[in-house]
């Protein structure tokens, strides 16, 4: 059969009930026999970017899309491997040029007994796959994105974001020495926001936060855009039957960043992450670590003897601290309190005056750029315009069954393209700026309060209308599919759908994935493409898709555009027309949808000819709407 059956069956279910995420397309390809099966057919591997105790990282290029990424190659630990829990912890003293006297070589592996070596090898087992699945769960602008994982009998290959700017420790040693206080605060705010997201929404801890695991996409070091990597030790936190947190007992992480309780093998894992951020902040501000030692035992002793007095002594060891504000010092002291009960949570730490001040300054700078830079203003407005337009399209699709299949196909394709094609460069930076501006809870999840704040700052036309609040409520409900919140990936998908679906090369790539390299998309190929998520697979099955239905590439493009296709009921275009749209010029089209929505609402309230004659016309995106004069 043609696409008729496939489209009609997909439209039977309310499209807003179908949840499709980019993570559905992040695949784990497992080949037990042939070495490198699939990975080298998909990617061309370039130069080695770095090596560590857990493997090597290479640049790579996707053969079909040409997108540049990084590939982490890890050899599976068998026996006698030198890999260990602390295997990739760098010798900070050898790399911090500004303080050569400090020695933290204890962070590196030391010879140990056979029993201890066996324990470390047991901890290493499965770390490679755990890292992939943990990173796959991450949904935050400051978390590394993973795209797919290949596994064979010897190695694990994880394809992830490419970071040409290197890590934070390398930035300190090669260029910076230590950070200006404002830059350190921006970076710490980004790290804490990410950790707050993991602690609050995933109940997960990183357990190996350190400067080497903070990466930059370019050597311009945009601190607000830093990414946290290496989730191989990340673990979920459990609660016992009495509602108490189950304490961790396994000693994992990097010695220089471990809190005192870890050495005692009984600790609150949330507070371990907080301590690590305190150590990172100390090093970023000073250029040297808080605990000196030439052996692992000396470093551990320094941590266990830690107190407020020893911290003050550490801060007085260098004149650099004389230029650091009291608020910054207080922030570090609070995160590195000896008693874990005295340390704040991630959410509480984000409310420290030191970070509140840097966020206020960043917000003022963004508002100033919005007012003075027309291109930046247009870019931010286009993002919120896309959010508004997508919400109106979803509402119309729900009310108009003929366009339901279009909405479903757009969801599937946008999720696939965000996952596999990605959004890079300036476009991603604008999206991230918008998301951070409206993430009022600083937990990586957008609420309606944040959406309202974004509309007030960047797209006030919606709220200036008489029906502004009702319109906002309706937009938010349609945008979130009634869930009440919007994740970072949801935000990116909704805001960039038009941008992604406008390019035919991207559509061809999506078609190849959904058809599994065939000439037609069939229910079987669609289920295979979505195979990683049972829920999505069940939804497709419930839609009544059978092996008799199929969609060609021409039909696929027509379904995405909302136009008629061969075999699909009717020859009229649906109400979901496609105007010209990119991240920076789609605002006019978005505004027309708002105007149409307002006109419809007014017609329902006041069904008079005079009121219809006074309808607000379509206007350019950056010009306040003007009413026509009354007819004489």
Foldseek 3Di string as FASTA:
>chain_A
DEQAVVLLLLLPDQLLVFDDFLLLQAEEAEAAADPPPPVVVQKDWDDWPDAWLFFTKTWIAGPQQRDIWIKTKGWAQDPPRPRFQLTGPDFLLVQLVVHVVFTDCQLHDDDDDPVVVVVRSVLRHPLLVQQQVVLSPQFFLQAKAWQYWYYYNTIIMTITHAFAQAWQSNCCRPPNSADDLLLLLLLLLLVLLRLLQCCPPVQKFQQADDRNQWTHNHNVCPRNRIHGGRSSVMDHWDADPVRHTQWAQAQGYGLLQAALVSVVRTHDRQLSRLSSSLQRSVCNQRSHGLQGDNHSVRRNVRRNPDAPVSSVVSLVPDCSNVPPDPLSVVLSCQSRHNDSVSHDGSLVSCPRPSNVVSVVVVVVVLLVCLVPPVQLLLLLLLLLLLLLLLLLVSVVCSVDSLLSSLSNLLSNLLSNCCSHVNDDDPNSVSLNVLQVQLPVSSNQKHALSSVVSSCVRRNVLLCVDPCNVVSSVSSQCSLSSNPRIAGSSSSVSSSCSLAQLPDVSSLVVSQCQQCVNDQKRALVSNCVSSVVDPVSNVSSVSSVGDRVYIHGSVRSNCSNQQADDPNHPDHGRDPRHRDDDHSRPCNLVSQVSSLVVVLVVVCVVDVDPQVNQFRFDRDPRVDRTDTDDGDD
